[in-house]
Amino acid sequence: MRFGTSSVTEPFSFVDESQKVVGIDIEIASLVAKKLNKKLEIVNMEFGSLIPALASKKVDMIGACITITEERSKKVLFSSPYYTSGIAAIVNK
């Protein structure tokens, strides 16, 4: 199973000290692959290439802190969200 991700969003998908792509998204993809009795292949790419890669079947599944939008939902089928957050800003006192 080819899993497309963009490894720039720690702790979800990032490159560790040993240059391996790791994170929560990778762990979830590993569980899905295991459940399907498939070997997981991580395909690291630019964020903007994820949905086109899935649509063209270059990968079988994608994950990389992708916000569910109406426009994206017209192109791909999303799972239920496994993480939700709001917008936040950090400023000096």
PDB file of N, CA and C in Angstrom:
ATOM      1  N   MET A   1       0.845  -1.165   0.000  1.00  0.00           N
ATOM      2  CA  MET A   1       0.000   0.000   0.000  1.00  0.00           C
ATOM      3  C   MET A   1       0.895   1.234   0.000  1.00  0.00           C
ATOM      4  N   ARG A   2       0.729   2.083  -0.986  1.00  0.00           N
ATOM      5  CA  ARG A   2       1.528   3.311  -1.099  1.00  0.00           C
ATOM      6  C   ARG A   2       0.806   4.456  -0.380  1.00  0.00           C
ATOM      7  N   PHE A   3       1.485   5.008   0.621  1.00  0.00           N
ATOM      8  CA  PHE A   3       0.909   6.076   1.436  1.00  0.00           C
ATOM      9  C   PHE A   3       1.622   7.382   1.127  1.00  0.00           C
ATOM     10  N   GLY A   4       0.881   8.336   0.563  1.00  0.00           N
ATOM     11  CA  GLY A   4       1.447   9.643   0.255  1.00  0.00           C
ATOM     12  C   GLY A   4       1.346  10.576   1.442  1.00  0.00           C
ATOM     13  N   THR A   5       2.440  11.274   1.719  1.00  0.00           N
ATOM     14  CA  THR A   5       2.462  12.232   2.818  1.00  0.00           C
ATOM     15  C   THR A   5       3.422  13.364   2.486  1.00  0.00           C
ATOM     16  N   SER A   6       3.307  14.441   3.227  1.00  0.00           N
ATOM     17  CA  SER A   6       4.226  15.568   3.121  1.00  0.00           C
ATOM     18  C   SER A   6       4.823  15.754   4.507  1.00  0.00           C
ATOM     19  N   SER A   7       6.070  15.392   4.651  1.00  0.00           N
ATOM     20  CA  SER A   7       6.671  15.245   5.985  1.00  0.00           C
ATOM     21  C   SER A   7       7.190  16.554   6.569  1.00  0.00           C
ATOM     22  N   VAL A   8       6.288  17.509   6.754  1.00  0.00           N
ATOM     23  CA  VAL A   8       6.696  18.811   7.284  1.00  0.00           C
ATOM     24  C   VAL A   8       5.867  19.251   8.492  1.00  0.00           C
ATOM     25  N   THR A   9       5.061  18.363   9.060  1.00  0.00           N
ATOM     26  CA  THR A   9       4.155  18.754  10.138  1.00  0.00           C
ATOM     27  C   THR A   9       4.317  17.872  11.362  1.00  0.00           C
ATOM     28  N   GLU A  10       5.366  18.104  12.119  1.00  0.00           N
ATOM     29  CA  GLU A  10       5.594  17.335  13.343  1.00  0.00           C
ATOM     30  C   GLU A  10       4.461  17.629  14.332  1.00  0.00           C
ATOM     31  N   PRO A  11       3.859  16.695  14.975  1.00  0.00           N
ATOM     32  CA  PRO A  11       4.201  15.285  15.137  1.00  0.00           C
ATOM     33  C   PRO A  11       3.466  14.361  14.162  1.00  0.00           C
ATOM     34  N   PHE A  12       2.774  14.919  13.167  1.00  0.00           N
ATOM     35  CA  PHE A  12       1.947  14.092  12.286  1.00  0.00           C
ATOM     36  C   PHE A  12       2.764  13.353  11.234  1.00  0.00           C
ATOM     37  N   SER A  13       3.616  14.059  10.536  1.00  0.00           N
ATOM     38  CA  SER A  13       4.467  13.442   9.518  1.00  0.00           C
ATOM     39  C   SER A  13       5.709  14.311   9.374  1.00  0.00           C
ATOM     40  N   PHE A  14       6.863  13.732   9.712  1.00  0.00           N
ATOM     41  CA  PHE A  14       8.111  14.492   9.664  1.00  0.00           C
ATOM     42  C   PHE A  14       9.278  13.535   9.480  1.00  0.00           C
ATOM     43  N   VAL A  15      10.439  14.096   9.157  1.00  0.00           N
ATOM     44  CA  VAL A  15      11.649  13.302   8.979  1.00  0.00           C
ATOM     45  C   VAL A  15      12.439  13.360  10.283  1.00  0.00           C
ATOM     46  N   ASP A  16      12.755  12.187  10.843  1.00  0.00           N
ATOM     47  CA  ASP A  16      13.499  12.147  12.108  1.00  0.00           C
ATOM     48  C   ASP A  16      15.007  12.257  11.866  1.00  0.00           C
ATOM     49  N   GLU A  17      15.787  12.130  12.952  1.00  0.00           N
ATOM     50  CA  GLU A  17      17.245  12.286  12.888  1.00  0.00           C
ATOM     51  C   GLU A  17      17.898  11.281  11.945  1.00  0.00           C
ATOM     52  N   SER A  18      17.287  10.123  11.783  1.00  0.00           N
ATOM     53  CA  SER A  18      17.856   9.086  10.914  1.00  0.00           C
ATOM     54  C   SER A  18      17.328   9.195   9.478  1.00  0.00           C
ATOM     55  N   GLN A  19      16.664  10.321   9.173  1.00  0.00           N
ATOM     56  CA  GLN A  19      16.112  10.592   7.837  1.00  0.00           C
ATOM     57  C   GLN A  19      14.940   9.680   7.467  1.00  0.00           C
ATOM     58  N   LYS A  20      14.278   9.121   8.479  1.00  0.00           N
ATOM     59  CA  LYS A  20      13.109   8.271   8.261  1.00  0.00           C
ATOM     60  C   LYS A  20      11.846   9.113   8.458  1.00  0.00           C
ATOM     61  N   VAL A  21      10.844   8.917   7.585  1.00  0.00           N
ATOM     62  CA  VAL A  21       9.566   9.614   7.733  1.00  0.00           C
ATOM     63  C   VAL A  21       8.768   8.899   8.819  1.00  0.00           C
ATOM     64  N   VAL A  22       8.402   9.646   9.856  1.00  0.00           N
ATOM     65  CA  VAL A  22       7.701   9.091  11.017  1.00  0.00           C
ATOM     66  C   VAL A  22       6.576  10.039  11.423  1.00  0.00           C
ATOM     67  N   GLY A  23       5.772   9.617  12.393  1.00  0.00           N
ATOM     68  CA  GLY A  23       4.744  10.480  12.953  1.00  0.00           C
ATOM     69  C   GLY A  23       3.399   9.782  13.073  1.00  0.00           C
ATOM     70  N   ILE A  24       2.436  10.509  13.596  1.00  0.00           N
ATOM     71  CA  ILE A  24       1.104   9.965  13.846  1.00  0.00           C
ATOM     72  C   ILE A  24       0.451   9.480  12.551  1.00  0.00           C
ATOM     73  N   ASP A  25       0.556  10.270  11.472  1.00  0.00           N
ATOM     74  CA  ASP A  25      -0.032   9.848  10.194  1.00  0.00           C
ATOM     75  C   ASP A  25       0.591   8.542   9.710  1.00  0.00           C
ATOM     76  N   ILE A  26       1.879   8.381   9.921  1.00  0.00           N
ATOM     77  CA  ILE A  26       2.577   7.169   9.497  1.00  0.00           C
ATOM     78  C   ILE A  26       2.111   5.982  10.344  1.00  0.00           C
ATOM     79  N   GLU A  27       1.935   6.206  11.639  1.00  0.00           N
ATOM     80  CA  GLU A  27       1.449   5.136  12.521  1.00  0.00           C
ATOM     81  C   GLU A  27       0.043   4.687  12.109  1.00  0.00           C
ATOM     82  N   ILE A  28      -0.825   5.635  11.778  1.00  0.00           N
ATOM     83  CA  ILE A  28      -2.183   5.292  11.341  1.00  0.00           C
ATOM     84  C   ILE A  28      -2.132   4.520  10.026  1.00  0.00           C
ATOM     85  N   ALA A  29      -1.324   4.984   9.088  1.00  0.00           N
ATOM     86  CA  ALA A  29      -1.190   4.280   7.803  1.00  0.00           C
ATOM     87  C   ALA A  29      -0.661   2.867   8.015  1.00  0.00           C
ATOM     88  N   SER A  30       0.265   2.702   8.951  1.00  0.00           N
ATOM     89  CA  SER A  30       0.804   1.371   9.259  1.00  0.00           C
ATOM     90  C   SER A  30      -0.282   0.445   9.783  1.00  0.00           C
ATOM     91  N   LEU A  31      -1.151   0.974  10.640  1.00  0.00           N
ATOM     92  CA  LEU A  31      -2.256   0.169  11.176  1.00  0.00           C
ATOM     93  C   LEU A  31      -3.232  -0.238  10.071  1.00  0.00           C
ATOM     94  N   VAL A  32      -3.525   0.682   9.164  1.00  0.00           N
ATOM     95  CA  VAL A  32      -4.426   0.370   8.047  1.00  0.00           C
ATOM     96  C   VAL A  32      -3.803  -0.706   7.162  1.00  0.00           C
ATOM     97  N   ALA A  33      -2.524  -0.541   6.828  1.00  0.00           N
ATOM     98  CA  ALA A  33      -1.834  -1.527   5.986  1.00  0.00           C
ATOM     99  C   ALA A  33      -1.826  -2.897   6.652  1.00  0.00           C
ATOM    100  N   LYS A  34      -1.560  -2.916   7.948  1.00  0.00           N
ATOM    101  CA  LYS A  34      -1.540  -4.187   8.682  1.00  0.00           C
ATOM    102  C   LYS A  34      -2.915  -4.852   8.638  1.00  0.00           C
ATOM    103  N   LYS A  35      -3.957  -4.055   8.849  1.00  0.00           N
ATOM    104  CA  LYS A  35      -5.328  -4.578   8.832  1.00  0.00           C
ATOM    105  C   LYS A  35      -5.680  -5.169   7.461  1.00  0.00           C
ATOM    106  N   LEU A  36      -5.114  -4.587   6.408  1.00  0.00           N
ATOM    107  CA  LEU A  36      -5.380  -5.050   5.045  1.00  0.00           C
ATOM    108  C   LEU A  36      -4.371  -6.095   4.565  1.00  0.00           C
ATOM    109  N   ASN A  37      -3.457  -6.481   5.469  1.00  0.00           N
ATOM    110  CA  ASN A  37      -2.390  -7.431   5.115  1.00  0.00           C
ATOM    111  C   ASN A  37      -1.550  -6.942   3.939  1.00  0.00           C
ATOM    112  N   LYS A  38      -1.216  -5.654   3.963  1.00  0.00           N
ATOM    113  CA  LYS A  38      -0.403  -5.042   2.913  1.00  0.00           C
ATOM    114  C   LYS A  38       0.895  -4.512   3.506  1.00  0.00           C
ATOM    115  N   LYS A  39       1.920  -4.434   2.688  1.00  0.00           N
ATOM    116  CA  LYS A  39       3.187  -3.827   3.093  1.00  0.00           C
ATOM    117  C   LYS A  39       3.066  -2.323   2.832  1.00  0.00           C
ATOM    118  N   LEU A  40       3.480  -1.515   3.796  1.00  0.00           N
ATOM    119  CA  LEU A  40       3.369  -0.064   3.667  1.00  0.00           C
ATOM    120  C   LEU A  40       4.604   0.508   2.983  1.00  0.00           C
ATOM    121  N   GLU A  41       4.373   1.344   1.973  1.00  0.00           N
ATOM    122  CA  GLU A  41       5.437   2.093   1.308  1.00  0.00           C
ATOM    123  C   GLU A  41       5.120   3.572   1.485  1.00  0.00           C
ATOM    124  N   ILE A  42       6.017   4.319   2.118  1.00  0.00           N
ATOM    125  CA  ILE A  42       5.824   5.752   2.328  1.00  0.00           C
ATOM    126  C   ILE A  42       6.313   6.496   1.092  1.00  0.00           C
ATOM    127  N   VAL A  43       5.461   7.365   0.552  1.00  0.00           N
ATOM    128  CA  VAL A  43       5.825   8.188  -0.598  1.00  0.00           C
ATOM    129  C   VAL A  43       5.755   9.645  -0.136  1.00  0.00           C
ATOM    130  N   ASN A  44       6.922  10.253   0.081  1.00  0.00           N
ATOM    131  CA  ASN A  44       7.005  11.624   0.574  1.00  0.00           C
ATOM    132  C   ASN A  44       6.967  12.582  -0.615  1.00  0.00           C
ATOM    133  N   MET A  45       6.118  13.613  -0.537  1.00  0.00           N
ATOM    134  CA  MET A  45       5.976  14.551  -1.655  1.00  0.00           C
ATOM    135  C   MET A  45       5.535  15.917  -1.147  1.00  0.00           C
ATOM    136  N   GLU A  46       5.519  16.888  -2.036  1.00  0.00           N
ATOM    137  CA  GLU A  46       5.016  18.216  -1.712  1.00  0.00           C
ATOM    138  C   GLU A  46       3.529  18.122  -1.364  1.00  0.00           C
ATOM    139  N   PHE A  47       3.086  18.947  -0.422  1.00  0.00           N
ATOM    140  CA  PHE A  47       1.690  18.909   0.022  1.00  0.00           C
ATOM    141  C   PHE A  47       0.711  19.059  -1.146  1.00  0.00           C
ATOM    142  N   GLY A  48       0.985  19.990  -2.041  1.00  0.00           N
ATOM    143  CA  GLY A  48       0.088  20.241  -3.166  1.00  0.00           C
ATOM    144  C   GLY A  48      -0.026  19.090  -4.152  1.00  0.00           C
ATOM    145  N   SER A  49       0.874  18.127  -4.058  1.00  0.00           N
ATOM    146  CA  SER A  49       0.852  16.965  -4.958  1.00  0.00           C
ATOM    147  C   SER A  49       0.046  15.800  -4.402  1.00  0.00           C
ATOM    148  N   LEU A  50      -0.364  15.866  -3.139  1.00  0.00           N
ATOM    149  CA  LEU A  50      -1.015  14.726  -2.497  1.00  0.00           C
ATOM    150  C   LEU A  50      -2.327  14.317  -3.170  1.00  0.00           C
ATOM    151  N   ILE A  51      -3.264  15.236  -3.297  1.00  0.00           N
ATOM    152  CA  ILE A  51      -4.559  14.886  -3.885  1.00  0.00           C
ATOM    153  C   ILE A  51      -4.410  14.488  -5.355  1.00  0.00           C
ATOM    154  N   PRO A  52      -3.633  15.217  -6.167  1.00  0.00           N
ATOM    155  CA  PRO A  52      -3.422  14.753  -7.544  1.00  0.00           C
ATOM    156  C   PRO A  52      -2.781  13.358  -7.613  1.00  0.00           C
ATOM    157  N   ALA A  53      -1.856  13.049  -6.709  1.00  0.00           N
ATOM    158  CA  ALA A  53      -1.223  11.719  -6.696  1.00  0.00           C
ATOM    159  C   ALA A  53      -2.244  10.635  -6.370  1.00  0.00           C
ATOM    160  N   LEU A  54      -3.150  10.923  -5.448  1.00  0.00           N
ATOM    161  CA  LEU A  54      -4.204   9.962  -5.112  1.00  0.00           C
ATOM    162  C   LEU A  54      -5.170   9.792  -6.287  1.00  0.00           C
ATOM    163  N   ALA A  55      -5.561  10.904  -6.896  1.00  0.00           N
ATOM    164  CA  ALA A  55      -6.501  10.858  -8.022  1.00  0.00           C
ATOM    165  C   ALA A  55      -5.927  10.095  -9.212  1.00  0.00           C
ATOM    166  N   SER A  56      -4.617  10.188  -9.410  1.00  0.00           N
ATOM    167  CA  SER A  56      -3.978   9.507 -10.543  1.00  0.00           C
ATOM    168  C   SER A  56      -3.456   8.121 -10.170  1.00  0.00           C
ATOM    169  N   LYS A  57      -3.785   7.675  -8.956  1.00  0.00           N
ATOM    170  CA  LYS A  57      -3.432   6.329  -8.464  1.00  0.00           C
ATOM    171  C   LYS A  57      -1.928   6.095  -8.320  1.00  0.00           C
ATOM    172  N   LYS A  58      -1.168   7.180  -8.128  1.00  0.00           N
ATOM    173  CA  LYS A  58       0.262   7.035  -7.834  1.00  0.00           C
ATOM    174  C   LYS A  58       0.450   6.579  -6.394  1.00  0.00           C
ATOM    175  N   VAL A  59      -0.547   6.870  -5.549  1.00  0.00           N
ATOM    176  CA  VAL A  59      -0.579   6.389  -4.167  1.00  0.00           C
ATOM    177  C   VAL A  59      -1.980   5.855  -3.895  1.00  0.00           C
ATOM    178  N   ASP A  60      -2.097   5.039  -2.850  1.00  0.00           N
ATOM    179  CA  ASP A  60      -3.381   4.421  -2.514  1.00  0.00           C
ATOM    180  C   ASP A  60      -4.132   5.165  -1.415  1.00  0.00           C
ATOM    181  N   MET A  61      -3.400   5.955  -0.629  1.00  0.00           N
ATOM    182  CA  MET A  61      -3.978   6.667   0.506  1.00  0.00           C
ATOM    183  C   MET A  61      -3.061   7.845   0.800  1.00  0.00           C
ATOM    184  N   ILE A  62      -3.617   8.939   1.322  1.00  0.00           N
ATOM    185  CA  ILE A  62      -2.790  10.081   1.694  1.00  0.00           C
ATOM    186  C   ILE A  62      -3.129  10.537   3.107  1.00  0.00           C
ATOM    187  N   GLY A  63      -2.185  11.225   3.736  1.00  0.00           N
ATOM    188  CA  GLY A  63      -2.395  11.801   5.054  1.00  0.00           C
ATOM    189  C   GLY A  63      -1.280  12.768   5.376  1.00  0.00           C
ATOM    190  N   ALA A  64      -1.655  13.987   5.786  1.00  0.00           N
ATOM    191  CA  ALA A  64      -0.642  14.999   6.098  1.00  0.00           C
ATOM    192  C   ALA A  64      -1.300  16.252   6.649  1.00  0.00           C
ATOM    193  N   CYS A  65      -2.044  16.123   7.726  1.00  0.00           N
ATOM    194  CA  CYS A  65      -2.759  17.285   8.292  1.00  0.00           C
ATOM    195  C   CYS A  65      -3.603  17.974   7.226  1.00  0.00           C
ATOM    196  N   ILE A  66      -4.362  17.202   6.494  1.00  0.00           N
ATOM    197  CA  ILE A  66      -5.179  17.740   5.411  1.00  0.00           C
ATOM    198  C   ILE A  66      -6.530  18.178   5.980  1.00  0.00           C
ATOM    199  N   THR A  67      -6.815  19.462   5.872  1.00  0.00           N
ATOM    200  CA  THR A  67      -8.096  19.986   6.327  1.00  0.00           C
ATOM    201  C   THR A  67      -9.188  19.566   5.345  1.00  0.00           C
ATOM    202  N   ILE A  68     -10.296  19.087   5.878  1.00  0.00           N
ATOM    203  CA  ILE A  68     -11.422  18.691   5.038  1.00  0.00           C
ATOM    204  C   ILE A  68     -12.159  19.953   4.602  1.00  0.00           C
ATOM    205  N   THR A  69     -12.202  20.172   3.300  1.00  0.00           N
ATOM    206  CA  THR A  69     -12.936  21.309   2.748  1.00  0.00           C
ATOM    207  C   THR A  69     -13.946  20.791   1.733  1.00  0.00           C
ATOM    208  N   GLU A  70     -14.912  21.637   1.393  1.00  0.00           N
ATOM    209  CA  GLU A  70     -15.913  21.254   0.394  1.00  0.00           C
ATOM    210  C   GLU A  70     -15.240  20.968  -0.949  1.00  0.00           C
ATOM    211  N   GLU A  71     -14.294  21.815  -1.331  1.00  0.00           N
ATOM    212  CA  GLU A  71     -13.596  21.639  -2.611  1.00  0.00           C
ATOM    213  C   GLU A  71     -12.828  20.315  -2.645  1.00  0.00           C
ATOM    214  N   ARG A  72     -12.093  20.011  -1.590  1.00  0.00           N
ATOM    215  CA  ARG A  72     -11.333  18.759  -1.541  1.00  0.00           C
ATOM    216  C   ARG A  72     -12.262  17.549  -1.485  1.00  0.00           C
ATOM    217  N   SER A  73     -13.390  17.691  -0.808  1.00  0.00           N
ATOM    218  CA  SER A  73     -14.343  16.578  -0.686  1.00  0.00           C
ATOM    219  C   SER A  73     -14.973  16.202  -2.022  1.00  0.00           C
ATOM    220  N   LYS A  74     -14.934  17.113  -2.989  1.00  0.00           N
ATOM    221  CA  LYS A  74     -15.439  16.805  -4.326  1.00  0.00           C
ATOM    222  C   LYS A  74     -14.456  15.923  -5.093  1.00  0.00           C
ATOM    223  N   LYS A  75     -13.192  15.906  -4.644  1.00  0.00           N
ATOM    224  CA  LYS A  75     -12.139  15.173  -5.357  1.00  0.00           C
ATOM    225  C   LYS A  75     -11.776  13.845  -4.702  1.00  0.00           C
ATOM    226  N   VAL A  76     -11.865  13.784  -3.367  1.00  0.00           N
ATOM    227  CA  VAL A  76     -11.442  12.583  -2.637  1.00  0.00           C
ATOM    228  C   VAL A  76     -12.424  12.265  -1.516  1.00  0.00           C
ATOM    229  N   LEU A  77     -12.384  11.034  -1.054  1.00  0.00           N
ATOM    230  CA  LEU A  77     -13.214  10.596   0.065  1.00  0.00           C
ATOM    231  C   LEU A  77     -12.377  10.663   1.339  1.00  0.00           C
ATOM    232  N   PHE A  78     -12.830  11.429   2.317  1.00  0.00           N
ATOM    233  CA  PHE A  78     -12.120  11.570   3.584  1.00  0.00           C
ATOM    234  C   PHE A  78     -12.626  10.551   4.600  1.00  0.00           C
ATOM    235  N   SER A  79     -11.748  10.119   5.490  1.00  0.00           N
ATOM    236  CA  SER A  79     -12.163   9.327   6.647  1.00  0.00           C
ATOM    237  C   SER A  79     -12.766  10.294   7.670  1.00  0.00           C
ATOM    238  N   SER A  80     -13.229   9.759   8.771  1.00  0.00           N
ATOM    239  CA  SER A  80     -13.616  10.622   9.886  1.00  0.00           C
ATOM    240  C   SER A  80     -12.352  11.292  10.402  1.00  0.00           C
ATOM    241  N   PRO A  81     -12.442  12.544  10.841  1.00  0.00           N
ATOM    242  CA  PRO A  81     -11.253  13.220  11.367  1.00  0.00           C
ATOM    243  C   PRO A  81     -10.701  12.491  12.594  1.00  0.00           C
ATOM    244  N   TYR A  82      -9.392  12.404  12.690  1.00  0.00           N
ATOM    245  CA  TYR A  82      -8.777  11.810  13.876  1.00  0.00           C
ATOM    246  C   TYR A  82      -8.062  12.862  14.712  1.00  0.00           C
ATOM    247  N   TYR A  83      -8.131  14.121  14.284  1.00  0.00           N
ATOM    248  CA  TYR A  83      -7.574  15.225  15.064  1.00  0.00           C
ATOM    249  C   TYR A  83      -8.309  16.499  14.662  1.00  0.00           C
ATOM    250  N   THR A  84      -8.745  17.267  15.651  1.00  0.00           N
ATOM    251  CA  THR A  84      -9.386  18.554  15.385  1.00  0.00           C
ATOM    252  C   THR A  84      -8.733  19.624  16.234  1.00  0.00           C
ATOM    253  N   SER A  85      -8.578  20.791  15.664  1.00  0.00           N
ATOM    254  CA  SER A  85      -8.013  21.901  16.429  1.00  0.00           C
ATOM    255  C   SER A  85      -8.585  23.196  15.886  1.00  0.00           C
ATOM    256  N   GLY A  86      -8.352  24.250  16.600  1.00  0.00           N
ATOM    257  CA  GLY A  86      -8.773  25.566  16.147  1.00  0.00           C
ATOM    258  C   GLY A  86      -7.558  26.372  15.742  1.00  0.00           C
ATOM    259  N   ILE A  87      -7.810  27.548  15.263  1.00  0.00           N
ATOM    260  CA  ILE A  87      -6.724  28.438  14.882  1.00  0.00           C
ATOM    261  C   ILE A  87      -6.225  29.131  16.142  1.00  0.00           C
ATOM    262  N   ALA A  88      -4.915  29.238  16.272  1.00  0.00           N
ATOM    263  CA  ALA A  88      -4.331  29.885  17.446  1.00  0.00           C
ATOM    264  C   ALA A  88      -3.167  30.766  17.018  1.00  0.00           C
ATOM    265  N   ALA A  89      -2.905  31.772  17.797  1.00  0.00           N
ATOM    266  CA  ALA A  89      -1.756  32.644  17.558  1.00  0.00           C
ATOM    267  C   ALA A  89      -1.000  32.798  18.868  1.00  0.00           C
ATOM    268  N   ILE A  90       0.306  32.843  18.777  1.00  0.00           N
ATOM    269  CA  ILE A  90       1.143  33.056  19.957  1.00  0.00           C
ATOM    270  C   ILE A  90       1.808  34.413  19.791  1.00  0.00           C
ATOM    271  N   VAL A  91       1.624  35.271  20.796  1.00  0.00           N
ATOM    272  CA  VAL A  91       2.174  36.628  20.719  1.00  0.00           C
ATOM    273  C   VAL A  91       2.904  36.961  22.015  1.00  0.00           C
ATOM    274  N   ASN A  92       3.755  37.974  21.967  1.00  0.00           N
ATOM    275  CA  ASN A  92       4.431  38.452  23.178  1.00  0.00           C
ATOM    276  C   ASN A  92       3.432  39.140  24.089  1.00  0.00           C
ATOM    277  N   LYS A  93       3.699  39.099  25.403  1.00  0.00           N
ATOM    278  CA  LYS A  93       2.828  39.790  26.359  1.00  0.00           C
ATOM    279  C   LYS A  93       2.982  41.282  26.229  1.00  0.00           C
TER     280      LYS A  93
END
